[in-house]
Amino acid sequence: MASAKTGSARRRAKGPDNLDSELKRLEDLWAVDHRDLQQKLTAAAGENKHLRDTIQVLRDSLEQGRIGEQERIQAALVHATEDTVQLKATIQALRDTLEQTKIGEQERVQAAVQHANEEIVQLKATVNALRDEMENQRAGEAERAQKALVTAKAEITQLREMVDALRGQMDEQRQRAQDQANQVKVLSDREVVHLRETIGELRLKLEGQHA
């Protein structure tokens, strides 16, 4: 009977450590995803700057008014269009990455919650075993068994609080990822509209100069 009580105590002590390790692993995975997302956002910003520089070159070419101006402007327009297409592809890839990151976070949260639920089931089984032992023990052992039961309940409460905290952290991470995705979409859509308007204005200027 003493050996069974020792095994139960070891199983109870193992639960929080396993959950702490799982929490650390989830935080590391989220850090990698977040760093990858930041790198892609930086790359998209660089491409936006390159596209604006191309438009500036196009404006300079219009002001020069030389014989080969039209050919250079047409080439610049083609280049700007290609950059716009590339920018759209980058934005789409970024959206896909954000979606995959969100799905991956949900899967990790579900796995962590499932693991925590399994730990709770084990702890409940330990509590039930302690209750059975209490019924079979002598009156002098009832107090020690009751203390063990209280300890097990306290561990269950702590584990549930850790699960709730984990859910809260993951919800915040998903919300931040969604907010970043929305900001990228709004900025990218505005940039594309602005670029289209700029290209249209430049074309009208070109047609006016060569009319």
Protein backbone atom coordinates (compact mmCIF):
# COMPACT_ATOMS: atom_id res chain seq x y z
CA MET A 1 0.00 0.00 0.00
CA ALA A 2 2.90 2.42 0.72
CA SER A 3 4.34 1.68 -2.75
CA ALA A 4 1.03 2.54 -4.44
CA LYS A 5 0.87 5.84 -2.54
CA THR A 6 4.43 6.70 -3.62
CA GLY A 7 3.58 6.01 -7.32
CA SER A 8 0.49 8.20 -7.04
CA ALA A 9 2.54 11.04 -5.58
CA ARG A 10 5.05 10.78 -8.43
CA ARG A 11 2.28 10.97 -11.04
CA ARG A 12 0.84 14.03 -9.33
CA ALA A 13 4.23 15.79 -9.26
CA LYS A 14 4.82 15.05 -12.93
CA GLY A 15 1.77 16.95 -14.26
CA PRO A 16 2.82 20.63 -13.79
CA ASP A 17 6.37 19.96 -15.04
CA ASN A 18 5.05 18.39 -18.23
CA LEU A 19 2.70 21.33 -18.76
CA ASP A 20 5.51 23.83 -18.15
CA SER A 21 7.60 22.08 -20.80
CA GLU A 22 4.65 22.15 -23.20
CA LEU A 23 4.14 25.85 -22.54
CA LYS A 24 7.85 26.54 -23.18
CA ARG A 25 7.71 24.55 -26.43
CA LEU A 26 4.62 26.45 -27.61
CA GLU A 27 6.24 29.80 -26.80
CA ASP A 28 9.36 28.82 -28.77
CA LEU A 29 7.27 27.75 -31.77
CA TRP A 30 5.31 30.99 -31.68
CA ALA A 31 8.56 33.00 -31.50
CA VAL A 32 9.84 31.27 -34.65
CA ASP A 33 6.54 31.92 -36.48
CA HIS A 34 6.54 35.54 -35.33
CA ARG A 35 10.14 36.08 -36.45
CA ASP A 36 9.38 34.56 -39.86
CA LEU A 37 6.34 36.81 -40.21
CA GLN A 38 8.37 39.91 -39.34
CA GLN A 39 10.97 38.99 -41.97
CA LYS A 40 8.29 38.65 -44.63
CA LEU A 41 6.70 41.96 -43.64
CA THR A 42 10.13 43.62 -43.95
CA ALA A 43 10.60 42.09 -47.38
CA ALA A 44 7.18 43.38 -48.48
CA ALA A 45 8.07 46.88 -47.25
CA GLY A 46 11.30 46.74 -49.29
CA GLU A 47 9.37 45.78 -52.40
CA ASN A 48 6.96 48.70 -51.85
CA LYS A 49 9.92 51.09 -51.65
CA HIS A 50 11.38 49.64 -54.83
CA LEU A 51 8.07 50.20 -56.62
CA ARG A 52 7.89 53.82 -55.46
CA ASP A 53 11.45 54.38 -56.65
CA THR A 54 10.49 52.98 -60.05
CA ILE A 55 7.61 55.45 -60.31
CA GLN A 56 9.98 58.30 -59.44
CA VAL A 57 12.27 57.20 -62.26
CA LEU A 58 9.23 57.22 -64.54
CA ARG A 59 8.42 60.81 -63.55
CA ASP A 60 12.02 61.85 -64.23
CA SER A 61 11.88 60.23 -67.65
CA LEU A 62 8.71 62.17 -68.50
CA GLU A 63 10.40 65.46 -67.58
CA GLN A 64 13.46 64.86 -69.73
CA GLY A 65 11.49 65.10 -73.01
CA ARG A 66 14.10 63.37 -75.20
CA ILE A 67 13.43 61.36 -78.35
CA GLY A 68 13.76 57.97 -76.65
CA GLU A 69 11.47 59.07 -73.80
CA GLN A 70 8.41 57.11 -74.87
CA GLU A 71 10.31 53.82 -75.15
CA ARG A 72 11.88 54.30 -71.71
CA ILE A 73 8.54 55.21 -70.16
CA GLN A 74 6.86 52.21 -71.71
CA ALA A 75 9.62 49.99 -70.35
CA ALA A 76 9.27 51.61 -66.93
CA LEU A 77 5.49 51.11 -67.06
CA VAL A 78 6.01 47.44 -67.86
CA HIS A 79 8.50 47.20 -65.00
CA ALA A 80 6.07 48.95 -62.64
CA THR A 81 3.30 46.58 -63.70
CA GLU A 82 5.58 43.61 -63.08
CA ASP A 83 6.46 45.01 -59.65
CA THR A 84 2.75 45.43 -58.90
CA VAL A 85 2.10 41.81 -59.86
CA GLN A 86 5.04 40.73 -57.71
CA LEU A 87 3.74 42.84 -54.83
CA LYS A 88 0.31 41.24 -55.10
CA ALA A 89 1.92 37.79 -55.11
CA THR A 90 3.94 38.73 -52.02
CA ILE A 91 0.83 39.99 -50.24
CA GLN A 92 -1.03 36.80 -51.08
CA ALA A 93 1.88 34.70 -49.87
CA LEU A 94 1.92 36.75 -46.67
CA ARG A 95 -1.80 36.18 -46.18
CA ASP A 96 -1.33 32.44 -46.75
CA THR A 97 1.53 32.39 -44.23
CA LEU A 98 -0.58 34.21 -41.64
CA GLU A 99 -3.43 31.77 -42.20
CA GLN A 100 -1.10 28.79 -41.85
CA THR A 101 0.37 30.31 -38.69
CA LYS A 102 -3.09 30.78 -37.23
CA ILE A 103 -4.06 27.20 -38.08
CA GLY A 104 -0.79 25.93 -36.58
CA GLU A 105 -1.44 27.85 -33.37
CA GLN A 106 -4.92 26.41 -33.11
CA GLU A 107 -3.57 22.89 -33.55
CA ARG A 108 -0.91 23.45 -30.88
CA VAL A 109 -3.50 24.91 -28.50
CA GLN A 110 -5.77 21.92 -29.04
CA ALA A 111 -2.87 19.52 -28.44
CA ALA A 112 -1.89 21.37 -25.24
CA VAL A 113 -5.48 21.41 -23.98
CA GLN A 114 -5.86 17.71 -24.76
CA HIS A 115 -2.64 16.98 -22.89
CA ALA A 116 -3.84 19.05 -19.93
CA ASN A 117 -7.18 17.23 -19.95
CA GLU A 118 -5.35 13.90 -19.87
CA GLU A 119 -3.35 15.11 -16.88
CA ILE A 120 -6.60 16.14 -15.17
CA VAL A 121 -8.09 12.70 -15.83
CA GLN A 122 -5.00 11.10 -14.29
CA LEU A 123 -5.23 13.36 -11.27
CA LYS A 124 -8.92 12.60 -10.87
CA ALA A 125 -8.09 8.89 -11.01
CA THR A 126 -5.50 9.49 -8.28
CA VAL A 127 -8.11 11.28 -6.18
CA ASN A 128 -10.55 8.41 -6.62
CA ALA A 129 -7.82 5.93 -5.67
CA LEU A 130 -7.12 7.95 -2.54
CA ARG A 131 -10.81 7.91 -1.67
CA ASP A 132 -10.85 4.12 -2.03
CA GLU A 133 -7.77 3.84 0.18
CA MET A 134 -9.40 6.06 2.78
CA GLU A 135 -12.38 3.68 2.98
CA ASN A 136 -10.08 0.66 3.49
CA GLN A 137 -7.66 2.23 5.96
CA ARG A 138 -7.91 2.43 9.70
CA ALA A 139 -9.36 5.45 11.46
CA GLY A 140 -5.86 6.76 12.27
CA GLU A 141 -4.93 6.91 8.56
CA ALA A 142 -8.05 8.82 7.51
CA GLU A 143 -6.51 12.21 8.30
CA ARG A 144 -3.40 11.56 6.17
CA ALA A 145 -5.54 10.37 3.26
CA GLN A 146 -7.69 13.50 3.56
CA LYS A 147 -4.59 15.69 3.36
CA ALA A 148 -3.46 13.83 0.25
CA LEU A 149 -6.90 14.38 -1.29
CA VAL A 150 -6.74 18.11 -0.56
CA THR A 151 -3.28 18.25 -2.15
CA ALA A 152 -4.54 16.46 -5.26
CA LYS A 153 -7.48 18.87 -5.54
CA ALA A 154 -5.11 21.82 -5.19
CA GLU A 155 -2.97 20.42 -7.99
CA ILE A 156 -6.06 20.03 -10.18
CA THR A 157 -7.04 23.63 -9.48
CA GLN A 158 -3.53 24.85 -10.32
CA LEU A 159 -3.49 22.80 -13.51
CA ARG A 160 -6.84 24.19 -14.61
CA GLU A 161 -5.62 27.73 -13.96
CA MET A 162 -2.54 27.03 -16.09
CA VAL A 163 -4.77 25.69 -18.90
CA ASP A 164 -6.94 28.83 -18.72
CA ALA A 165 -3.82 31.00 -18.84
CA LEU A 166 -2.56 29.05 -21.84
CA ARG A 167 -5.85 29.53 -23.65
CA GLY A 168 -5.73 33.25 -22.91
CA GLN A 169 -2.18 33.58 -24.25
CA MET A 170 -3.02 31.69 -27.42
CA ASP A 171 -6.14 33.82 -27.97
CA GLU A 172 -4.02 36.95 -27.64
CA GLN A 173 -1.45 35.56 -30.09
CA ARG A 174 -4.14 34.70 -32.63
CA GLN A 175 -5.69 38.15 -32.24
CA ARG A 176 -2.31 39.85 -32.76
CA ALA A 177 -1.66 37.75 -35.85
CA GLN A 178 -5.13 38.62 -37.20
CA ASP A 179 -4.58 42.34 -36.48
CA GLN A 180 -1.24 42.25 -38.32
CA ALA A 181 -2.86 40.49 -41.27
CA ASN A 182 -5.63 43.11 -41.40
CA GLN A 183 -3.11 45.95 -41.26
CA VAL A 184 -1.05 44.40 -44.04
CA LYS A 185 -4.17 43.96 -46.19
CA VAL A 186 -5.34 47.55 -45.66
CA LEU A 187 -1.89 49.03 -46.36
CA SER A 188 -1.33 46.80 -49.37
CA ASP A 189 -4.75 47.56 -50.86
CA ARG A 190 -4.15 51.28 -50.41
CA GLU A 191 -0.70 51.00 -51.99
CA VAL A 192 -2.04 49.11 -55.01
CA VAL A 193 -4.85 51.67 -55.52
CA HIS A 194 -2.34 54.50 -55.21
CA LEU A 195 0.02 52.86 -57.67
CA ARG A 196 -2.75 52.31 -60.18
CA GLU A 197 -3.82 55.94 -59.91
CA THR A 198 -0.21 57.09 -60.32
CA ILE A 199 0.32 54.92 -63.39
CA GLY A 200 -2.93 56.22 -64.88
CA GLU A 201 -1.85 59.82 -64.31
CA LEU A 202 1.54 59.16 -65.87
CA ARG A 203 -0.06 57.59 -68.91
CA LEU A 204 -2.34 60.61 -69.33
CA LYS A 205 0.71 62.90 -69.09
CA LEU A 206 2.51 60.84 -71.67
CA GLU A 207 -0.44 60.96 -74.04
CA GLY A 208 -0.73 64.72 -73.50
CA GLN A 209 2.95 65.34 -74.32
CA HIS A 210 2.82 63.30 -77.51
CA ALA A 211 -0.61 64.42 -78.68
